[in-house]
Amino acid sequence: MNIQPTPYDHPDAVKLQDAVQAEYAVRYGDEGDVTPLDAAMFTPPHGLYLLAYDEDGTPLASGGWRAQDANPENYSDGDAELKRMYVVPEARGLGLARRILAALESDARAAGRTRMVLETGTAQPEAIALYLSSGYTPAPKFGHYRHYPNSRCYAKPL
C-alpha cells in the first residue's frame, strides 16, 4: 500500500470525492456534503491531502486536513480540520483509514497545529468508532453543519 500526498483536485482525488459524496447522499438522503472546499486549503503548510493506492495504482482511500483558526463557525486557533476521509467499500477493514488518520495527525502537528477536529454524522457509525478508538472525544459543534441535529463533532489534542 502506498500513501502519498496528492493535490485535492487531482483526478484520482476527485474520483474518491465523488464516491464519498454519493455515499453521503445514500446515508443522509441529500446532495452530500456542501462544505465549501478548494484545493488551496490542502496545500502545505496549511493542509495536506493524502491518497492510498494499491500496488496496481488504483486509489483506495483518501483524507485531508486544512488549517482553521478562531472564526464565527466555532473553530479555535490552531485547529486542523479533518476532511474527506473515505475508503472504497472493497478496501474497508484493511486499516487504511487508521493509517491515513495517523499520517494526517502527524503532518498537522509538524505544521504547528494544536488540535485535530472533525465533523461526521450519526449515519456513519464506522467513522465514529474509528475516531473514538483513535483518541477523539466529543467536542462542541463547529463548522458548516453545526446546527444540524445529526451532526457530531470530535477533537483530539495534537
N, C-alpha and C. Protein backbone atom coordinates (compact mmCIF):
# COMPACT_ATOMS: atom_id res chain seq x y z
N MET A 1 0.84 -1.17 0.00
CA MET A 1 0.00 0.00 0.00
C MET A 1 0.88 1.23 0.00
N ASN A 2 0.54 2.19 -0.82
CA ASN A 2 1.33 3.42 -0.96
C ASN A 2 0.44 4.61 -0.61
N ILE A 3 0.79 5.32 0.45
CA ILE A 3 0.05 6.53 0.83
C ILE A 3 0.91 7.71 0.44
N GLN A 4 0.34 8.62 -0.36
CA GLN A 4 1.14 9.74 -0.85
C GLN A 4 0.34 11.03 -0.90
N PRO A 5 1.04 12.16 -0.68
CA PRO A 5 0.39 13.46 -0.85
C PRO A 5 -0.06 13.61 -2.29
N THR A 6 -1.26 14.13 -2.45
CA THR A 6 -1.87 14.30 -3.77
C THR A 6 -2.68 15.58 -3.75
N PRO A 7 -2.60 16.39 -4.79
CA PRO A 7 -3.45 17.59 -4.81
C PRO A 7 -4.93 17.23 -4.69
N TYR A 8 -5.66 18.05 -3.97
CA TYR A 8 -7.09 17.84 -3.76
C TYR A 8 -7.86 17.78 -5.08
N ASP A 9 -7.36 18.47 -6.10
CA ASP A 9 -8.06 18.50 -7.39
C ASP A 9 -7.47 17.51 -8.41
N HIS A 10 -6.59 16.61 -7.99
CA HIS A 10 -6.06 15.57 -8.86
C HIS A 10 -7.21 14.64 -9.28
N PRO A 11 -7.20 14.12 -10.50
CA PRO A 11 -8.31 13.26 -10.95
C PRO A 11 -8.61 12.07 -10.02
N ASP A 12 -7.58 11.45 -9.45
CA ASP A 12 -7.83 10.33 -8.53
C ASP A 12 -8.53 10.81 -7.26
N ALA A 13 -8.13 11.99 -6.77
CA ALA A 13 -8.78 12.56 -5.58
C ALA A 13 -10.23 12.91 -5.89
N VAL A 14 -10.47 13.49 -7.05
CA VAL A 14 -11.84 13.85 -7.44
C VAL A 14 -12.70 12.60 -7.55
N LYS A 15 -12.14 11.52 -8.07
CA LYS A 15 -12.87 10.26 -8.19
C LYS A 15 -13.34 9.77 -6.82
N LEU A 16 -12.45 9.80 -5.83
CA LEU A 16 -12.84 9.36 -4.48
C LEU A 16 -13.78 10.36 -3.81
N GLN A 17 -13.61 11.64 -4.08
CA GLN A 17 -14.54 12.64 -3.53
C GLN A 17 -15.94 12.42 -4.08
N ASP A 18 -16.04 12.11 -5.36
CA ASP A 18 -17.35 11.82 -5.94
C ASP A 18 -17.97 10.58 -5.29
N ALA A 19 -17.14 9.58 -5.01
CA ALA A 19 -17.64 8.36 -4.38
C ALA A 19 -18.14 8.63 -2.96
N VAL A 20 -17.38 9.42 -2.20
CA VAL A 20 -17.82 9.71 -0.84
C VAL A 20 -19.09 10.57 -0.86
N GLN A 21 -19.20 11.48 -1.79
CA GLN A 21 -20.41 12.30 -1.90
C GLN A 21 -21.62 11.43 -2.22
N ALA A 22 -21.44 10.45 -3.09
CA ALA A 22 -22.54 9.53 -3.41
C ALA A 22 -22.93 8.73 -2.18
N GLU A 23 -21.95 8.33 -1.37
CA GLU A 23 -22.26 7.59 -0.15
C GLU A 23 -22.99 8.48 0.85
N TYR A 24 -22.56 9.73 0.98
CA TYR A 24 -23.28 10.67 1.87
C TYR A 24 -24.74 10.80 1.44
N ALA A 25 -24.96 10.90 0.13
CA ALA A 25 -26.33 11.07 -0.37
C ALA A 25 -27.18 9.86 0.00
N VAL A 26 -26.62 8.66 -0.09
CA VAL A 26 -27.37 7.45 0.29
C VAL A 26 -27.64 7.45 1.79
N ARG A 27 -26.62 7.74 2.57
CA ARG A 27 -26.76 7.66 4.03
C ARG A 27 -27.65 8.76 4.60
N TYR A 28 -27.57 9.96 4.01
CA TYR A 28 -28.29 11.10 4.58
C TYR A 28 -29.47 11.57 3.74
N GLY A 29 -29.61 11.01 2.53
CA GLY A 29 -30.75 11.35 1.70
C GLY A 29 -30.75 12.77 1.17
N ASP A 30 -29.56 13.32 0.94
CA ASP A 30 -29.49 14.67 0.40
C ASP A 30 -28.40 14.74 -0.66
N GLU A 31 -27.92 15.93 -0.95
CA GLU A 31 -26.96 16.13 -2.03
C GLU A 31 -25.52 15.84 -1.63
N GLY A 32 -25.28 15.44 -0.41
CA GLY A 32 -23.92 15.20 0.06
C GLY A 32 -23.43 16.36 0.90
N ASP A 33 -22.14 16.38 1.15
CA ASP A 33 -21.53 17.42 1.98
C ASP A 33 -21.30 18.67 1.13
N VAL A 34 -21.91 19.76 1.51
CA VAL A 34 -21.78 21.00 0.75
C VAL A 34 -20.83 22.00 1.42
N THR A 35 -20.00 21.52 2.35
CA THR A 35 -18.99 22.39 2.95
C THR A 35 -18.10 22.95 1.84
N PRO A 36 -17.94 24.27 1.79
CA PRO A 36 -17.08 24.85 0.74
C PRO A 36 -15.62 24.42 0.93
N LEU A 37 -15.05 23.80 -0.10
CA LEU A 37 -13.66 23.36 -0.09
C LEU A 37 -13.02 23.70 -1.42
N ASP A 38 -11.71 23.97 -1.40
CA ASP A 38 -10.97 24.10 -2.65
C ASP A 38 -9.56 23.57 -2.45
N ALA A 39 -8.88 23.32 -3.54
CA ALA A 39 -7.57 22.67 -3.50
C ALA A 39 -6.55 23.45 -2.67
N ALA A 40 -6.60 24.76 -2.69
CA ALA A 40 -5.63 25.58 -1.96
C ALA A 40 -5.67 25.32 -0.46
N MET A 41 -6.82 24.91 0.07
CA MET A 41 -6.96 24.65 1.50
C MET A 41 -6.11 23.47 1.96
N PHE A 42 -5.72 22.60 1.05
CA PHE A 42 -4.99 21.38 1.38
C PHE A 42 -3.53 21.44 0.92
N THR A 43 -3.03 22.66 0.71
CA THR A 43 -1.66 22.85 0.26
C THR A 43 -0.77 23.12 1.47
N PRO A 44 0.29 22.31 1.65
CA PRO A 44 1.20 22.54 2.77
C PRO A 44 1.76 23.96 2.75
N PRO A 45 1.99 24.56 3.89
CA PRO A 45 1.88 24.01 5.24
C PRO A 45 0.51 24.24 5.88
N HIS A 46 -0.47 24.63 5.09
CA HIS A 46 -1.80 24.95 5.63
C HIS A 46 -2.77 23.78 5.53
N GLY A 47 -2.29 22.65 5.08
CA GLY A 47 -3.12 21.47 4.94
C GLY A 47 -2.38 20.40 4.17
N LEU A 48 -3.03 19.28 4.01
CA LEU A 48 -2.45 18.15 3.27
C LEU A 48 -3.58 17.24 2.84
N TYR A 49 -3.45 16.67 1.65
CA TYR A 49 -4.41 15.70 1.17
C TYR A 49 -3.64 14.44 0.79
N LEU A 50 -4.10 13.30 1.28
CA LEU A 50 -3.43 12.03 1.04
C LEU A 50 -4.34 11.05 0.31
N LEU A 51 -3.75 10.25 -0.56
CA LEU A 51 -4.44 9.13 -1.19
C LEU A 51 -3.64 7.87 -0.92
N ALA A 52 -4.35 6.78 -0.71
CA ALA A 52 -3.73 5.46 -0.60
C ALA A 52 -4.01 4.70 -1.89
N TYR A 53 -2.94 4.15 -2.46
CA TYR A 53 -3.03 3.39 -3.70
C TYR A 53 -2.64 1.94 -3.45
N ASP A 54 -3.26 1.02 -4.19
CA ASP A 54 -2.81 -0.37 -4.13
C ASP A 54 -1.60 -0.52 -5.05
N GLU A 55 -1.05 -1.73 -5.12
CA GLU A 55 0.16 -1.96 -5.91
C GLU A 55 -0.05 -1.78 -7.41
N ASP A 56 -1.31 -1.78 -7.85
CA ASP A 56 -1.61 -1.55 -9.26
C ASP A 56 -1.87 -0.08 -9.58
N GLY A 57 -1.80 0.78 -8.56
CA GLY A 57 -2.03 2.21 -8.78
C GLY A 57 -3.48 2.63 -8.71
N THR A 58 -4.34 1.78 -8.16
CA THR A 58 -5.75 2.11 -8.00
C THR A 58 -5.94 2.87 -6.70
N PRO A 59 -6.58 4.04 -6.72
CA PRO A 59 -6.81 4.78 -5.48
C PRO A 59 -7.88 4.09 -4.64
N LEU A 60 -7.54 3.86 -3.35
CA LEU A 60 -8.44 3.13 -2.46
C LEU A 60 -8.98 3.96 -1.30
N ALA A 61 -8.25 5.00 -0.90
CA ALA A 61 -8.65 5.75 0.29
C ALA A 61 -8.11 7.16 0.21
N SER A 62 -8.79 8.06 0.92
CA SER A 62 -8.37 9.46 0.92
C SER A 62 -8.62 10.08 2.29
N GLY A 63 -8.01 11.22 2.46
CA GLY A 63 -8.24 12.03 3.66
C GLY A 63 -7.35 13.24 3.62
N GLY A 64 -7.81 14.30 4.27
CA GLY A 64 -7.01 15.52 4.29
C GLY A 64 -7.26 16.32 5.55
N TRP A 65 -6.42 17.31 5.75
CA TRP A 65 -6.66 18.27 6.82
C TRP A 65 -6.44 19.67 6.24
N ARG A 66 -7.14 20.63 6.84
CA ARG A 66 -6.96 22.03 6.46
C ARG A 66 -6.90 22.86 7.74
N ALA A 67 -6.10 23.90 7.71
CA ALA A 67 -5.93 24.78 8.87
C ALA A 67 -7.20 25.58 9.12
N GLN A 68 -7.51 25.72 10.39
CA GLN A 68 -8.62 26.57 10.83
C GLN A 68 -8.12 27.38 12.03
N ASP A 69 -8.64 28.57 12.16
CA ASP A 69 -8.39 29.38 13.34
C ASP A 69 -9.72 29.94 13.81
N ALA A 70 -9.72 30.59 14.95
CA ALA A 70 -10.97 31.10 15.53
C ALA A 70 -11.76 31.88 14.49
N ASN A 71 -13.05 31.52 14.37
CA ASN A 71 -13.92 32.20 13.42
C ASN A 71 -15.38 32.00 13.86
N PRO A 72 -16.33 32.63 13.16
CA PRO A 72 -17.74 32.53 13.57
C PRO A 72 -18.34 31.12 13.50
N GLU A 73 -17.65 30.16 12.86
CA GLU A 73 -18.17 28.79 12.81
C GLU A 73 -17.67 27.94 13.99
N ASN A 74 -17.14 28.59 15.02
CA ASN A 74 -16.74 27.96 16.28
C ASN A 74 -15.45 27.15 16.24
N TYR A 75 -14.59 27.41 15.26
CA TYR A 75 -13.26 26.81 15.28
C TYR A 75 -12.41 27.58 16.29
N SER A 76 -11.29 26.99 16.70
CA SER A 76 -10.36 27.63 17.62
C SER A 76 -9.02 27.82 16.94
N ASP A 77 -8.25 28.79 17.42
CA ASP A 77 -6.90 28.98 16.89
C ASP A 77 -6.12 27.68 17.01
N GLY A 78 -5.41 27.32 15.95
CA GLY A 78 -4.58 26.13 15.95
C GLY A 78 -5.27 24.86 15.51
N ASP A 79 -6.54 24.95 15.12
CA ASP A 79 -7.25 23.75 14.68
C ASP A 79 -6.77 23.27 13.32
N ALA A 80 -6.77 21.96 13.16
CA ALA A 80 -6.58 21.30 11.88
C ALA A 80 -7.87 20.49 11.68
N GLU A 81 -8.59 20.78 10.62
CA GLU A 81 -9.87 20.10 10.40
C GLU A 81 -9.70 18.94 9.44
N LEU A 82 -10.12 17.77 9.87
CA LEU A 82 -10.08 16.57 9.06
C LEU A 82 -11.22 16.61 8.04
N LYS A 83 -10.92 16.31 6.79
CA LYS A 83 -11.93 16.33 5.73
C LYS A 83 -11.74 15.15 4.78
N ARG A 84 -12.85 14.69 4.23
CA ARG A 84 -12.93 13.72 3.14
C ARG A 84 -12.22 12.40 3.41
N MET A 85 -12.34 11.93 4.65
CA MET A 85 -11.84 10.59 4.94
C MET A 85 -12.78 9.60 4.24
N TYR A 86 -12.20 8.72 3.46
CA TYR A 86 -13.02 7.77 2.71
C TYR A 86 -12.17 6.56 2.31
N VAL A 87 -12.78 5.39 2.37
CA VAL A 87 -12.17 4.15 1.89
C VAL A 87 -13.20 3.48 0.99
N VAL A 88 -12.77 3.06 -0.20
CA VAL A 88 -13.69 2.38 -1.10
C VAL A 88 -14.19 1.11 -0.42
N PRO A 89 -15.43 0.71 -0.69
CA PRO A 89 -16.01 -0.45 0.01
C PRO A 89 -15.15 -1.71 -0.03
N GLU A 90 -14.54 -2.01 -1.17
CA GLU A 90 -13.78 -3.25 -1.28
C GLU A 90 -12.46 -3.23 -0.49
N ALA A 91 -12.05 -2.08 0.02
CA ALA A 91 -10.79 -1.99 0.79
C ALA A 91 -11.05 -1.71 2.27
N ARG A 92 -12.29 -1.71 2.68
CA ARG A 92 -12.59 -1.45 4.10
C ARG A 92 -12.13 -2.63 4.96
N GLY A 93 -11.73 -2.31 6.17
CA GLY A 93 -11.26 -3.33 7.09
C GLY A 93 -9.77 -3.64 6.97
N LEU A 94 -9.06 -2.92 6.12
CA LEU A 94 -7.62 -3.14 5.94
C LEU A 94 -6.76 -2.17 6.75
N GLY A 95 -7.39 -1.29 7.50
CA GLY A 95 -6.64 -0.33 8.31
C GLY A 95 -6.20 0.92 7.57
N LEU A 96 -6.71 1.14 6.36
CA LEU A 96 -6.28 2.30 5.58
C LEU A 96 -6.69 3.62 6.23
N ALA A 97 -7.91 3.69 6.71
CA ALA A 97 -8.38 4.94 7.33
C ALA A 97 -7.52 5.27 8.55
N ARG A 98 -7.21 4.27 9.35
CA ARG A 98 -6.38 4.49 10.54
C ARG A 98 -4.98 4.97 10.15
N ARG A 99 -4.40 4.41 9.10
CA ARG A 99 -3.07 4.83 8.65
C ARG A 99 -3.09 6.25 8.10
N ILE A 100 -4.12 6.58 7.32
CA ILE A 100 -4.22 7.95 6.80
C ILE A 100 -4.44 8.92 7.95
N LEU A 101 -5.30 8.57 8.88
CA LEU A 101 -5.57 9.44 10.03
C LEU A 101 -4.27 9.73 10.79
N ALA A 102 -3.48 8.70 11.07
CA ALA A 102 -2.23 8.89 11.80
C ALA A 102 -1.26 9.79 11.04
N ALA A 103 -1.18 9.61 9.73
CA ALA A 103 -0.29 10.44 8.90
C ALA A 103 -0.75 11.89 8.90
N LEU A 104 -2.06 12.10 8.82
CA LEU A 104 -2.58 13.47 8.82
C LEU A 104 -2.34 14.14 10.17
N GLU A 105 -2.55 13.41 11.26
CA GLU A 105 -2.29 13.97 12.58
C GLU A 105 -0.82 14.37 12.72
N SER A 106 0.07 13.52 12.28
CA SER A 106 1.50 13.80 12.36
C SER A 106 1.87 15.03 11.55
N ASP A 107 1.33 15.13 10.36
CA ASP A 107 1.63 16.27 9.50
C ASP A 107 1.08 17.57 10.09
N ALA A 108 -0.15 17.53 10.59
CA ALA A 108 -0.74 18.74 11.18
C ALA A 108 0.06 19.19 12.41
N ARG A 109 0.49 18.24 13.22
CA ARG A 109 1.32 18.55 14.39
C ARG A 109 2.62 19.21 13.94
N ALA A 110 3.27 18.65 12.92
CA ALA A 110 4.52 19.21 12.40
C ALA A 110 4.32 20.61 11.82
N ALA A 111 3.12 20.89 11.33
CA ALA A 111 2.80 22.20 10.78
C ALA A 111 2.44 23.21 11.87
N GLY A 112 2.47 22.78 13.14
CA GLY A 112 2.19 23.70 14.24
C GLY A 112 0.76 23.76 14.69
N ARG A 113 -0.08 22.90 14.15
CA ARG A 113 -1.47 22.84 14.59
C ARG A 113 -1.51 22.16 15.96
N THR A 114 -2.48 22.55 16.78
CA THR A 114 -2.52 22.04 18.15
C THR A 114 -3.68 21.10 18.44
N ARG A 115 -4.67 21.06 17.55
CA ARG A 115 -5.84 20.21 17.78
C ARG A 115 -6.39 19.77 16.44
N MET A 116 -6.70 18.47 16.33
CA MET A 116 -7.39 17.96 15.14
C MET A 116 -8.87 17.90 15.47
N VAL A 117 -9.69 18.43 14.58
CA VAL A 117 -11.14 18.43 14.77
C VAL A 117 -11.80 17.81 13.55
N LEU A 118 -12.99 17.29 13.76
CA LEU A 118 -13.73 16.72 12.64
C LEU A 118 -15.22 16.75 12.93
N GLU A 119 -15.97 16.72 11.87
CA GLU A 119 -17.43 16.64 11.96
C GLU A 119 -17.84 15.43 11.15
N THR A 120 -18.73 14.63 11.70
CA THR A 120 -19.30 13.49 11.00
C THR A 120 -20.78 13.45 11.36
N GLY A 121 -21.44 12.40 10.97
CA GLY A 121 -22.87 12.32 11.26
C GLY A 121 -23.27 10.98 11.85
N THR A 122 -24.44 10.96 12.40
CA THR A 122 -24.94 9.75 13.06
C THR A 122 -25.13 8.58 12.10
N ALA A 123 -25.22 8.83 10.80
CA ALA A 123 -25.37 7.75 9.83
C ALA A 123 -24.02 7.14 9.43
N GLN A 124 -22.96 7.51 10.13
CA GLN A 124 -21.63 6.98 9.86
C GLN A 124 -21.04 6.38 11.14
N PRO A 125 -21.66 5.33 11.67
CA PRO A 125 -21.17 4.75 12.93
C PRO A 125 -19.76 4.20 12.83
N GLU A 126 -19.34 3.74 11.64
CA GLU A 126 -17.97 3.23 11.48
C GLU A 126 -16.96 4.35 11.68
N ALA A 127 -17.27 5.52 11.15
CA ALA A 127 -16.38 6.68 11.31
C ALA A 127 -16.30 7.08 12.78
N ILE A 128 -17.44 7.13 13.43
CA ILE A 128 -17.46 7.50 14.84
C ILE A 128 -16.62 6.51 15.65
N ALA A 129 -16.75 5.22 15.36
CA ALA A 129 -15.98 4.20 16.07
C ALA A 129 -14.47 4.38 15.83
N LEU A 130 -14.08 4.68 14.60
CA LEU A 130 -12.67 4.91 14.28
C LEU A 130 -12.13 6.08 15.11
N TYR A 131 -12.86 7.18 15.11
CA TYR A 131 -12.37 8.37 15.81
C TYR A 131 -12.31 8.15 17.32
N LEU A 132 -13.33 7.55 17.88
CA LEU A 132 -13.31 7.29 19.33
C LEU A 132 -12.15 6.36 19.70
N SER A 133 -11.91 5.33 18.89
CA SER A 133 -10.83 4.39 19.19
C SER A 133 -9.45 5.00 18.92
N SER A 134 -9.42 6.15 18.26
CA SER A 134 -8.16 6.84 17.96
C SER A 134 -7.90 8.01 18.90
N GLY A 135 -8.70 8.12 19.97
CA GLY A 135 -8.45 9.13 20.98
C GLY A 135 -9.23 10.42 20.84
N TYR A 136 -10.18 10.47 19.93
CA TYR A 136 -11.01 11.66 19.77
C TYR A 136 -12.12 11.63 20.81
N THR A 137 -12.52 12.82 21.24
CA THR A 137 -13.61 12.94 22.20
C THR A 137 -14.64 13.92 21.65
N PRO A 138 -15.90 13.79 22.08
CA PRO A 138 -16.92 14.72 21.61
C PRO A 138 -16.52 16.16 21.91
N ALA A 139 -16.85 17.05 20.98
CA ALA A 139 -16.49 18.46 21.09
C ALA A 139 -17.72 19.32 20.81
N PRO A 140 -17.72 20.57 21.30
CA PRO A 140 -18.81 21.47 20.92
C PRO A 140 -18.87 21.59 19.40
N LYS A 141 -20.06 21.70 18.88
CA LYS A 141 -20.25 21.71 17.42
C LYS A 141 -19.62 22.94 16.78
N PHE A 142 -19.08 22.71 15.58
CA PHE A 142 -18.43 23.75 14.79
C PHE A 142 -18.70 23.46 13.33
N GLY A 143 -18.33 24.38 12.47
CA GLY A 143 -18.35 24.16 11.04
C GLY A 143 -19.71 24.33 10.39
N HIS A 144 -19.74 23.98 9.13
CA HIS A 144 -20.91 24.18 8.27
C HIS A 144 -22.17 23.50 8.83
N TYR A 145 -22.04 22.33 9.42
CA TYR A 145 -23.19 21.55 9.87
C TYR A 145 -23.45 21.65 11.37
N ARG A 146 -22.92 22.67 12.03
CA ARG A 146 -23.01 22.77 13.49
C ARG A 146 -24.44 22.88 14.01
N HIS A 147 -25.37 23.29 13.18
CA HIS A 147 -26.76 23.43 13.62
C HIS A 147 -27.63 22.22 13.28
N TYR A 148 -27.04 21.20 12.65
CA TYR A 148 -27.80 20.02 12.25
C TYR A 148 -27.87 19.02 13.41
N PRO A 149 -29.05 18.46 13.69
CA PRO A 149 -29.18 17.55 14.84
C PRO A 149 -28.41 16.25 14.69
N ASN A 150 -28.16 15.77 13.46
CA ASN A 150 -27.44 14.51 13.30
C ASN A 150 -25.93 14.69 13.15
N SER A 151 -25.46 15.93 13.30
CA SER A 151 -24.04 16.23 13.23
C SER A 151 -23.37 15.90 14.56
N ARG A 152 -22.16 15.34 14.47
CA ARG A 152 -21.35 15.05 15.66
C ARG A 152 -19.95 15.58 15.42
N CYS A 153 -19.41 16.30 16.40
CA CYS A 153 -18.07 16.86 16.29
C CYS A 153 -17.17 16.23 17.34
N TYR A 154 -15.91 16.04 16.94
CA TYR A 154 -14.91 15.41 17.78
C TYR A 154 -13.59 16.18 17.68
N ALA A 155 -12.77 16.05 18.70
CA ALA A 155 -11.48 16.73 18.72
C ALA A 155 -10.45 15.87 19.44
N LYS A 156 -9.18 16.14 19.10
CA LYS A 156 -8.06 15.44 19.73
C LYS A 156 -6.88 16.40 19.79
N PRO A 157 -6.31 16.59 20.98
CA PRO A 157 -5.10 17.43 21.04
C PRO A 157 -3.98 16.79 20.23
N LEU A 158 -3.22 17.63 19.54
CA LEU A 158 -2.08 17.14 18.78
C LEU A 158 -0.79 17.35 19.57
